[in-house]
C-alpha atoms as a PDB file:
ATOM      1  CA  MET A   1      22.508  -7.094   1.207  1.00  0.00           C
ATOM      2  CA  TYR A   2      21.856  -3.906  -0.865  1.00  0.00           C
ATOM      3  CA  CYS A   3      23.850  -1.682  -3.096  1.00  0.00           C
ATOM      4  CA  SER A   4      23.051   1.674  -4.480  1.00  0.00           C
ATOM      5  CA  GLN A   5      20.996   2.173  -7.594  1.00  0.00           C
ATOM      6  CA  ASN A   6      23.739   4.070  -9.488  1.00  0.00           C
ATOM      7  CA  GLY A   7      26.844   3.003  -7.646  1.00  0.00           C
ATOM      8  CA  GLY A   8      27.918   6.508  -6.881  1.00  0.00           C
ATOM      9  CA  GLU A   9      25.905   6.685  -3.645  1.00  0.00           C
ATOM     10  CA  GLN A  10      25.869   5.188  -0.106  1.00  0.00           C
ATOM     11  CA  ILE A  11      23.274   2.848   0.499  1.00  0.00           C
ATOM     12  CA  ASP A  12      20.012   4.235   2.329  1.00  0.00           C
ATOM     13  CA  PRO A  13      20.314   2.960   5.977  1.00  0.00           C
ATOM     14  CA  SER A  14      16.591   2.652   6.237  1.00  0.00           C
ATOM     15  CA  LEU A  15      16.350   0.042   3.338  1.00  0.00           C
ATOM     16  CA  VAL A  16      18.597  -1.830   5.580  1.00  0.00           C
ATOM     17  CA  GLU A  17      16.916  -1.099   8.854  1.00  0.00           C
ATOM     18  CA  LYS A  18      13.611  -2.175   6.991  1.00  0.00           C
ATOM     19  CA  ALA A  19      15.292  -5.568   5.579  1.00  0.00           C
ATOM     20  CA  LEU A  20      16.693  -6.300   8.949  1.00  0.00           C
ATOM     21  CA  ARG A  21      12.813  -5.842  10.178  1.00  0.00           C
ATOM     22  CA  GLU A  22      11.125  -8.250   7.944  1.00  0.00           C
ATOM     23  CA  LYS A  23      13.695 -11.201   8.365  1.00  0.00           C
ATOM     24  CA  THR A  24      16.406 -12.326  10.991  1.00  0.00           C
ATOM     25  CA  TYR A  25      19.836 -12.478   9.909  1.00  0.00           C
ATOM     26  CA  LYS A  26      22.597 -13.787  12.369  1.00  0.00           C
ATOM     27  CA  ALA A  27      25.481 -11.309  10.356  1.00  0.00           C
ATOM     28  CA  VAL A  28      25.705  -8.306   7.989  1.00  0.00           C
ATOM     29  CA  THR A  29      28.583  -7.770   5.887  1.00  0.00           C
ATOM     30  CA  ILE A  30      29.453  -4.079   5.190  1.00  0.00           C
ATOM     31  CA  THR A  31      31.774  -3.361   2.614  1.00  0.00           C
ATOM     32  CA  HIS A  32      34.254  -0.436   3.838  1.00  0.00           C
ATOM     33  CA  ALA A  33      35.087   1.075   0.721  1.00  0.00           C
ATOM     34  CA  ASP A  34      33.677  -0.791  -2.518  1.00  0.00           C
ATOM     35  CA  THR A  35      36.602  -1.770  -4.824  1.00  0.00           C
ATOM     36  CA  SER A  36      34.247  -1.234  -7.847  1.00  0.00           C
ATOM     37  CA  THR A  37      32.985   2.250  -7.279  1.00  0.00           C
ATOM     38  CA  GLY A  38      35.005   3.844  -4.810  1.00  0.00           C
ATOM     39  CA  VAL A  39      32.229   4.746  -2.372  1.00  0.00           C
ATOM     40  CA  VAL A  40      32.784   4.269   1.392  1.00  0.00           C
ATOM     41  CA  ALA A  41      29.965   2.778   3.808  1.00  0.00           C
ATOM     42  CA  ASP A  42      28.720   4.905   6.278  1.00  0.00           C
ATOM     43  CA  LEU A  43      29.517   2.698   9.579  1.00  0.00           C
ATOM     44  CA  GLU A  44      28.160   5.490  11.998  1.00  0.00           C
ATOM     45  CA  ALA A  45      24.581   4.948  10.573  1.00  0.00           C
ATOM     46  CA  LEU A  46      24.964   1.117   9.610  1.00  0.00           C
ATOM     47  CA  VAL A  47      26.505  -0.148  12.609  1.00  0.00           C
ATOM     48  CA  PRO A  48      23.814   0.635  15.136  1.00  0.00           C
ATOM     49  CA  ILE A  49      21.127  -0.635  12.954  1.00  0.00           C
ATOM     50  CA  ILE A  50      22.696  -3.763  12.468  1.00  0.00           C
ATOM     51  CA  LYS A  51      23.518  -4.280  16.252  1.00  0.00           C
ATOM     52  CA  ARG A  52      20.130  -3.352  17.290  1.00  0.00           C
ATOM     53  CA  ALA A  53      18.519  -6.144  15.320  1.00  0.00           C
ATOM     54  CA  GLY A  54      20.974  -8.507  17.119  1.00  0.00           C
ATOM     55  CA  ALA A  55      23.313  -9.405  14.093  1.00  0.00           C
ATOM     56  CA  LEU A  56      27.062  -9.687  13.929  1.00  0.00           C
ATOM     57  CA  VAL A  57      28.695  -6.714  12.031  1.00  0.00           C
ATOM     58  CA  ILE A  58      31.162  -8.218   9.806  1.00  0.00           C
ATOM     59  CA  LEU A  59      33.308  -5.401   8.120  1.00  0.00           C
ATOM     60  CA  ASP A  60      35.072  -5.969   4.718  1.00  0.00           C
ATOM     61  CA  GLY A  61      38.256  -3.830   4.778  1.00  0.00           C
ATOM     62  CA  VAL A  62      40.079  -5.297   1.581  1.00  0.00           C
ATOM     63  CA  VAL A  63      40.682  -1.568   0.325  1.00  0.00           C
ATOM     64  CA  ALA A  64      40.139   0.046   3.653  1.00  0.00           C
ATOM     65  CA  THR A  65      42.466  -1.713   6.214  1.00  0.00           C
ATOM     66  CA  ALA A  66      45.363   0.391   7.398  1.00  0.00           C
ATOM     67  CA  ALA A  67      44.187   3.593   5.645  1.00  0.00           C
ATOM     68  CA  MET A  68      40.663   4.034   7.161  1.00  0.00           C
ATOM     69  CA  ASP A  69      39.339   3.788  10.935  1.00  0.00           C
ATOM     70  CA  GLU A  70      38.594   0.531  11.573  1.00  0.00           C
ATOM     71  CA  ASN A  71      39.076   0.367  15.370  1.00  0.00           C
ATOM     72  CA  MET A  72      37.119  -2.558  16.867  1.00  0.00           C
ATOM     73  CA  SER A  73      37.424  -1.009  20.497  1.00  0.00           C
ATOM     74  CA  LYS A  74      35.316   1.886  18.995  1.00  0.00           C
ATOM     75  CA  ALA A  75      31.580   1.844  20.017  1.00  0.00           C
ATOM     76  CA  TYR A  76      28.936   3.275  17.575  1.00  0.00           C
ATOM     77  CA  GLY A  77      26.392   4.788  19.667  1.00  0.00           C
ATOM     78  CA  HIS A  78      26.235   2.371  22.423  1.00  0.00           C
ATOM     79  CA  PRO A  79      29.076   0.489  24.428  1.00  0.00           C
ATOM     80  CA  ASP A  80      27.786  -2.647  22.989  1.00  0.00           C
ATOM     81  CA  TYR A  81      27.835  -1.550  19.254  1.00  0.00           C
ATOM     82  CA  LYS A  82      31.121  -2.419  17.784  1.00  0.00           C
ATOM     83  CA  LEU A  83      32.606  -4.139  14.681  1.00  0.00           C
ATOM     84  CA  ASP A  84      32.501  -7.905  15.400  1.00  0.00           C
ATOM     85  CA  ILE A  85      34.725  -9.341  12.444  1.00  0.00           C
ATOM     86  CA  VAL A  86      37.116  -7.409  10.119  1.00  0.00           C
ATOM     87  CA  LEU A  87      38.466  -9.182   7.186  1.00  0.00           C
ATOM     88  CA  THR A  88      40.991  -7.676   4.464  1.00  0.00           C
ATOM     89  CA  GLY A  89      44.098  -9.072   2.404  1.00  0.00           C
ATOM     90  CA  SER A  90      47.466  -8.219   2.266  1.00  0.00           C
ATOM     91  CA  GLN A  91      47.895  -6.464  -0.949  1.00  0.00           C
ATOM     92  CA  LYS A  92      46.053  -3.103  -0.656  1.00  0.00           C
ATOM     93  CA  ALA A  93      46.723  -0.374   1.963  1.00  0.00           C
ATOM     94  CA  ILE A  94      48.593  -2.649   3.785  1.00  0.00           C
ATOM     95  CA  GLY A  95      51.205  -2.690   1.123  1.00  0.00           C
ATOM     96  CA  ILE A  96      52.752  -6.126   0.719  1.00  0.00           C
ATOM     97  CA  PRO A  97      52.099  -8.989  -2.022  1.00  0.00           C
ATOM     98  CA  PRO A  98      48.601 -10.611  -2.223  1.00  0.00           C
ATOM     99  CA  GLY A  99      48.381 -14.164  -0.223  1.00  0.00           C
ATOM    100  CA  LEU A 100      47.530 -13.395   3.140  1.00  0.00           C
ATOM    101  CA  ALA A 101      44.136 -13.397   4.247  1.00  0.00           C
ATOM    102  CA  ILE A 102      43.557 -11.388   7.426  1.00  0.00           C
ATOM    103  CA  VAL A 103      40.708 -11.732   9.944  1.00  0.00           C
ATOM    104  CA  ALA A 104      39.965 -10.282  13.194  1.00  0.00           C
ATOM    105  CA  PHE A 105      37.453 -11.379  15.587  1.00  0.00           C
ATOM    106  CA  ASN A 106      35.967 -10.153  19.032  1.00  0.00           C
ATOM    107  CA  GLN A 107      34.901 -12.274  21.569  1.00  0.00           C
ATOM    108  CA  THR A 108      31.140 -11.799  20.432  1.00  0.00           C
ATOM    109  CA  ALA A 109      32.272 -13.191  17.041  1.00  0.00           C
ATOM    110  CA  LEU A 110      34.284 -15.991  18.748  1.00  0.00           C
ATOM    111  CA  GLU A 111      31.478 -17.248  21.280  1.00  0.00           C
ATOM    112  CA  ALA A 112      28.934 -17.065  18.026  1.00  0.00           C
ATOM    113  CA  ARG A 113      31.132 -19.545  16.344  1.00  0.00           C
ATOM    114  CA  LYS A 114      31.418 -21.920  19.596  1.00  0.00           C
ATOM    115  CA  GLN A 115      27.645 -21.930  19.459  1.00  0.00           C
ATOM    116  CA  LEU A 116      27.728 -23.330  15.845  1.00  0.00           C
ATOM    117  CA  GLY A 117      29.389 -26.591  17.084  1.00  0.00           C
ATOM    118  CA  ARG A 118      30.668 -28.638  14.179  1.00  0.00           C
ATOM    119  CA  ILE A 119      30.804 -26.897  10.525  1.00  0.00           C
ATOM    120  CA  PRO A 120      31.799 -28.017   7.291  1.00  0.00           C
ATOM    121  CA  ALA A 121      34.778 -25.649   7.085  1.00  0.00           C
ATOM    122  CA  TYR A 122      38.302 -26.950   8.283  1.00  0.00           C
ATOM    123  CA  TYR A 123      40.782 -24.823   6.910  1.00  0.00           C
ATOM    124  CA  CYS A 124      39.023 -21.738   7.656  1.00  0.00           C
ATOM    125  CA  ASP A 125      37.490 -22.600  10.813  1.00  0.00           C
ATOM    126  CA  ILE A 126      38.866 -20.097  13.464  1.00  0.00           C
ATOM    127  CA  GLU A 127      38.699 -22.711  16.184  1.00  0.00           C
ATOM    128  CA  ASN A 128      41.418 -24.711  14.152  1.00  0.00           C
ATOM    129  CA  TRP A 129      43.506 -21.704  14.133  1.00  0.00           C
ATOM    130  CA  LYS A 130      43.379 -20.556  17.615  1.00  0.00           C
ATOM    131  CA  PRO A 131      45.506 -23.159  19.700  1.00  0.00           C
ATOM    132  CA  ILE A 132      48.532 -22.448  17.114  1.00  0.00           C
ATOM    133  CA  MET A 133      48.299 -18.808  17.808  1.00  0.00           C
ATOM    134  CA  GLU A 134      48.168 -19.457  21.110  1.00  0.00           C
ATOM    135  CA  ASP A 135      51.016 -21.853  21.190  1.00  0.00           C
ATOM    136  CA  PRO A 136      52.813 -21.159  17.540  1.00  0.00           C
ATOM    137  CA  SER A 137      55.010 -24.628  18.128  1.00  0.00           C
ATOM    138  CA  LYS A 138      51.655 -26.620  17.540  1.00  0.00           C
ATOM    139  CA  TYR A 139      50.974 -27.539  13.727  1.00  0.00           C
ATOM    140  CA  PHE A 140      47.692 -27.074  11.727  1.00  0.00           C
ATOM    141  CA  ALA A 141      49.033 -25.870   8.528  1.00  0.00           C
ATOM    142  CA  THR A 142      52.189 -24.590   6.617  1.00  0.00           C
ATOM    143  CA  PRO A 143      52.053 -20.737   6.782  1.00  0.00           C
ATOM    144  CA  PRO A 144      53.203 -18.506   4.012  1.00  0.00           C
ATOM    145  CA  VAL A 145      56.513 -17.670   5.988  1.00  0.00           C
ATOM    146  CA  ASN A 146      57.582 -15.002   3.664  1.00  0.00           C
ATOM    147  CA  LEU A 147      54.375 -13.219   3.477  1.00  0.00           C
ATOM    148  CA  ILE A 148      54.426 -13.126   7.237  1.00  0.00           C
ATOM    149  CA  TYR A 149      57.780 -11.571   7.759  1.00  0.00           C
ATOM    150  CA  ALA A 150      56.795  -8.962   4.970  1.00  0.00           C
ATOM    151  CA  TYR A 151      53.458  -8.451   6.892  1.00  0.00           C
ATOM    152  CA  ASN A 152      55.149  -7.680  10.063  1.00  0.00           C
ATOM    153  CA  GLU A 153      57.506  -5.250   8.317  1.00  0.00           C
ATOM    154  CA  ALA A 154      54.666  -3.646   6.860  1.00  0.00           C
ATOM    155  CA  LEU A 155      52.957  -3.430  10.193  1.00  0.00           C
ATOM    156  CA  LYS A 156      56.101  -1.615  11.680  1.00  0.00           C
ATOM    157  CA  ILE A 157      55.628   1.148   8.802  1.00  0.00           C
ATOM    158  CA  ILE A 158      52.193   1.443   9.416  1.00  0.00           C
ATOM    159  CA  LEU A 159      52.826   1.898  13.281  1.00  0.00           C
ATOM    160  CA  SER A 160      55.832   4.098  12.626  1.00  0.00           C
ATOM    161  CA  GLU A 161      53.551   6.611  10.587  1.00  0.00           C
ATOM    162  CA  GLY A 162      50.651   6.492  12.946  1.00  0.00           C
ATOM    163  CA  MET A 163      47.031   5.803  12.008  1.00  0.00           C
ATOM    164  CA  GLU A 164      46.098   9.094  12.397  1.00  0.00           C
ATOM    165  CA  ARG A 165      48.506  10.542  10.087  1.00  0.00           C
ATOM    166  CA  ARG A 166      47.767   7.887   7.794  1.00  0.00           C
ATOM    167  CA  GLU A 167      44.282   8.188   7.455  1.00  0.00           C
ATOM    168  CA  LYS A 168      44.492  11.762   6.869  1.00  0.00           C
ATOM    169  CA  ARG A 169      47.231  10.965   4.283  1.00  0.00           C
ATOM    170  CA  HIS A 170      44.995   8.814   2.015  1.00  0.00           C
ATOM    171  CA  ILE A 171      42.163  11.225   2.542  1.00  0.00           C
ATOM    172  CA  ALA A 172      44.711  13.835   0.802  1.00  0.00           C
ATOM    173  CA  TYR A 173      45.658  11.643  -1.672  1.00  0.00           C
ATOM    174  CA  GLY A 174      42.112  10.521  -2.897  1.00  0.00           C
ATOM    175  CA  LYS A 175      41.119  14.347  -2.929  1.00  0.00           C
ATOM    176  CA  GLY A 176      44.088  15.114  -4.894  1.00  0.00           C
ATOM    177  CA  MET A 177      43.667  12.774  -7.337  1.00  0.00           C
ATOM    178  CA  ARG A 178      40.144  13.191  -8.215  1.00  0.00           C
ATOM    179  CA  ALA A 179      40.924  16.925  -8.440  1.00  0.00           C
ATOM    180  CA  ALA A 180      43.504  16.299 -10.939  1.00  0.00           C
ATOM    181  CA  MET A 181      41.243  13.971 -12.778  1.00  0.00           C
ATOM    182  CA  ARG A 182      38.374  16.587 -13.036  1.00  0.00           C
ATOM    183  CA  SER A 183      40.717  19.461 -13.840  1.00  0.00           C
ATOM    184  CA  TYR A 184      41.194  16.439 -17.350  1.00  0.00           C
ATOM    185  CA  GLY A 185      37.395  16.622 -17.809  1.00  0.00           C
ATOM    186  CA  MET A 186      36.729  13.222 -16.070  1.00  0.00           C
ATOM    187  CA  GLN A 187      34.388  13.020 -13.394  1.00  0.00           C
ATOM    188  CA  PRO A 188      34.456  10.570 -10.497  1.00  0.00           C
ATOM    189  CA  LEU A 189      31.541   8.324  -9.984  1.00  0.00           C
ATOM    190  CA  ALA A 190      31.356   9.051  -6.485  1.00  0.00           C
ATOM    191  CA  ARG A 191      30.580  12.127  -4.914  1.00  0.00           C
ATOM    192  CA  GLU A 192      33.437  13.781  -3.059  1.00  0.00           C
ATOM    193  CA  GLU A 193      31.500  13.535   0.345  1.00  0.00           C
ATOM    194  CA  VAL A 194      31.166   9.701  -0.064  1.00  0.00           C
ATOM    195  CA  ALA A 195      34.341   8.986  -2.083  1.00  0.00           C
ATOM    196  CA  ALA A 196      37.055   6.650  -0.872  1.00  0.00           C
ATOM    197  CA  PRO A 197      40.439   7.694   0.382  1.00  0.00           C
ATOM    198  CA  THR A 198      42.053   4.720  -1.244  1.00  0.00           C
ATOM    199  CA  LEU A 199      40.874   4.583  -4.636  1.00  0.00           C
ATOM    200  CA  SER A 200      38.658   6.274  -7.727  1.00  0.00           C
ATOM    201  CA  CYS A 201      36.615   5.144 -10.241  1.00  0.00           C
ATOM    202  CA  ILE A 202      37.005   7.904 -12.875  1.00  0.00           C
ATOM    203  CA  PHE A 203      34.326   8.388 -16.250  1.00  0.00           C
ATOM    204  CA  TYR A 204      36.157   8.691 -19.250  1.00  0.00           C
ATOM    205  CA  PRO A 205      35.495  11.910 -21.201  1.00  0.00           C
ATOM    206  CA  GLU A 206      33.506  11.527 -24.644  1.00  0.00           C
ATOM    207  CA  GLY A 207      35.837  10.013 -27.243  1.00  0.00           C
ATOM    208  CA  VAL A 208      38.295   8.255 -24.821  1.00  0.00           C
ATOM    209  CA  GLU A 209      38.558   4.599 -25.825  1.00  0.00           C
ATOM    210  CA  ASP A 210      38.798   2.375 -22.505  1.00  0.00           C
ATOM    211  CA  ALA A 211      41.347  -0.154 -24.010  1.00  0.00           C
ATOM    212  CA  ALA A 212      43.068   2.487 -25.969  1.00  0.00           C
ATOM    213  CA  PHE A 213      43.677   4.452 -22.913  1.00  0.00           C
ATOM    214  CA  ARG A 214      44.716   1.757 -20.389  1.00  0.00           C
ATOM    215  CA  ASN A 215      47.257   0.037 -22.800  1.00  0.00           C
ATOM    216  CA  ALA A 216      48.556   3.317 -23.283  1.00  0.00           C
ATOM    217  CA  LEU A 217      49.111   3.751 -19.853  1.00  0.00           C
ATOM    218  CA  ALA A 218      50.683   0.310 -19.233  1.00  0.00           C
ATOM    219  CA  SER A 219      53.274   0.790 -22.130  1.00  0.00           C
ATOM    220  CA  ARG A 220      54.658   3.424 -19.833  1.00  0.00           C
ATOM    221  CA  GLY A 221      54.586   1.717 -16.655  1.00  0.00           C
ATOM    222  CA  ILE A 222      51.320   3.003 -15.249  1.00  0.00           C
ATOM    223  CA  ILE A 223      48.605   0.635 -14.588  1.00  0.00           C
ATOM    224  CA  VAL A 224      45.069   1.315 -13.976  1.00  0.00           C
ATOM    225  CA  ALA A 225      41.877  -1.317 -13.750  1.00  0.00           C
ATOM    226  CA  GLY A 226      38.981  -1.357 -16.035  1.00  0.00           C
ATOM    227  CA  SER A 227      35.448  -1.000 -14.175  1.00  0.00           C
ATOM    228  CA  LEU A 228      33.204  -3.467 -14.002  1.00  0.00           C
ATOM    229  CA  ALA A 229      29.487  -4.811 -14.946  1.00  0.00           C
ATOM    230  CA  HIS A 230      27.297  -1.923 -16.446  1.00  0.00           C
ATOM    231  CA  LEU A 231      30.320   0.462 -15.934  1.00  0.00           C
ATOM    232  CA  ALA A 232      32.657  -1.468 -17.873  1.00  0.00           C
ATOM    233  CA  GLY A 233      34.312   0.319 -20.852  1.00  0.00           C
ATOM    234  CA  LYS A 234      32.791   3.717 -19.461  1.00  0.00           C
ATOM    235  CA  ALA A 235      35.579   4.203 -16.497  1.00  0.00           C
ATOM    236  CA  PHE A 236      38.445   3.335 -15.258  1.00  0.00           C
ATOM    237  CA  ARG A 237      39.963   2.630 -11.315  1.00  0.00           C
ATOM    238  CA  ILE A 238      42.959   4.169 -10.169  1.00  0.00           C
ATOM    239  CA  GLY A 239      44.386   3.152  -6.600  1.00  0.00           C
ATOM    240  CA  HIS A 240      46.116   5.716  -4.355  1.00  0.00           C
ATOM    241  CA  MET A 241      46.776   3.770  -1.103  1.00  0.00           C
ATOM    242  CA  GLY A 242      49.470   1.769   0.756  1.00  0.00           C
ATOM    243  CA  ASN A 243      52.887   3.010   0.722  1.00  0.00           C
ATOM    244  CA  THR A 244      52.366   5.367  -2.223  1.00  0.00           C
ATOM    245  CA  THR A 245      54.032   8.630  -2.296  1.00  0.00           C
ATOM    246  CA  PRO A 246      52.724  11.865  -3.976  1.00  0.00           C
ATOM    247  CA  GLU A 247      55.729  11.660  -6.529  1.00  0.00           C
ATOM    248  CA  MET A 248      54.490   8.601  -7.737  1.00  0.00           C
ATOM    249  CA  LEU A 249      50.797  10.207  -7.863  1.00  0.00           C
ATOM    250  CA  GLU A 250      52.179  13.160  -9.814  1.00  0.00           C
ATOM    251  CA  LYS A 251      54.021  10.962 -12.146  1.00  0.00           C
ATOM    252  CA  ALA A 252      50.753   9.006 -12.629  1.00  0.00           C
ATOM    253  CA  ILE A 253      48.698  12.399 -13.318  1.00  0.00           C
ATOM    254  CA  GLN A 254      51.421  13.442 -15.730  1.00  0.00           C
ATOM    255  CA  VAL A 255      51.238  10.231 -17.884  1.00  0.00           C
ATOM    256  CA  ILE A 256      47.626  10.209 -17.840  1.00  0.00           C
ATOM    257  CA  GLY A 257      47.823  13.523 -19.141  1.00  0.00           C
ATOM    258  CA  GLU A 258      49.820  12.752 -21.963  1.00  0.00           C
ATOM    259  CA  VAL A 259      47.926   9.669 -22.848  1.00  0.00           C
ATOM    260  CA  LEU A 260      44.725  11.870 -23.148  1.00  0.00           C
ATOM    261  CA  GLN A 261      46.616  14.234 -25.231  1.00  0.00           C
ATOM    262  CA  GLU A 262      47.908  11.660 -27.933  1.00  0.00           C
ATOM    263  CA  LEU A 263      44.156  10.153 -27.919  1.00  0.00           C
ATOM    264  CA  GLY A 264      42.833  13.530 -29.058  1.00  0.00           C
ATOM    265  CA  HIS A 265      41.663  14.646 -25.844  1.00  0.00           C
ATOM    266  CA  PRO A 266      43.356  18.381 -24.991  1.00  0.00           C
ATOM    267  CA  VAL A 267      44.301  18.932 -21.102  1.00  0.00           C
ATOM    268  CA  ASN A 268      46.559  20.870 -19.138  1.00  0.00           C
ATOM    269  CA  ILE A 269      48.810  18.664 -17.096  1.00  0.00           C
ATOM    270  CA  LYS A 270      50.383  21.394 -15.053  1.00  0.00           C
ATOM    271  CA  ARG A 271      46.709  22.481 -13.927  1.00  0.00           C
ATOM    272  CA  ALA A 272      45.918  19.046 -13.144  1.00  0.00           C
ATOM    273  CA  ILE A 273      49.321  18.600 -10.764  1.00  0.00           C
ATOM    274  CA  GLU A 274      48.559  22.154  -9.162  1.00  0.00           C
ATOM    275  CA  ALA A 275      44.897  20.869  -8.464  1.00  0.00           C
ATOM    276  CA  PHE A 276      46.705  17.838  -6.932  1.00  0.00           C
ATOM    277  CA  ARG A 277      49.303  19.922  -5.100  1.00  0.00           C
ATOM    278  CA  HIS A 278      46.488  22.331  -3.769  1.00  0.00           C
ATOM    279  CA  GLU A 279      44.635  19.359  -2.198  1.00  0.00           C
ATOM    280  CA  MET A 280      47.833  18.085  -0.335  1.00  0.00           C
ATOM    281  CA  GLU A 281      48.612  21.493   0.785  1.00  0.00           C
ATOM    282  CA  GLN A 282      45.097  21.915   2.466  1.00  0.00           C
ATOM    283  CA  ALA A 283      45.577  18.456   4.066  1.00  0.00           C
ATOM    284  CA  VAL A 284      48.847  19.560   5.706  1.00  0.00           C
ATOM    285  CA  LEU A 285      47.071  22.987   6.794  1.00  0.00           C
ATOM    286  CA  LYS A 286      44.311  20.696   8.482  1.00  0.00           C
END
């Protein structure tokens, strides 16, 4: 519905409230963690506003699910103010290859679907999937069996770690990576108070060219993504989610420092790694 002006701030809840007063909406989608900017949404503020307006809350959890709190049983200020639909993909914090679209509905959302009657969608209609979820021996469509086995194994890993611990680990990763990048003179787009635990959008220091930087990293086995829209060429995006380990992230910090040095931007790699480790230690103490 709305996005922030500079991409580094959360949406002002009053703008959402104003829009919902001016027009009736059946559903509102919230991006839990924005892939392009690395900013998290304030669910505590937004969910009650949307529910008071009588709309369903659809949460896009693509870069958040399995790393951030998306408990569909949680109430936001009122027993009836809950997430109605959460949708995500398999390839981000869940940690398996791309290919699965994962969607969860609560009873309110399922009832809203029933009230629609016949709809143009077929494969994506939850009403067509419900019978085979209740009885897997029934046929609707050929499932990607290998990915479902992988998904099952990923869930075992996630549940073994525990969501509370996993969420704290991701917060530590995000803080650590951004601290390391700041020590290199590269500023995150998102303020720390609203920064995503799963990925960060980082501005280049003056004089560092986007393609040269990312190509040099790729040649050393470190892949980062370019930024989008008006940020293209000005920043890069780095993920720190899923089954990533501190050792992997320290390796990325090391290589990023080496590439910056080669491109004529002197940095202190040891200090950057120390900044990362400090944030990790602080997280353990908490």
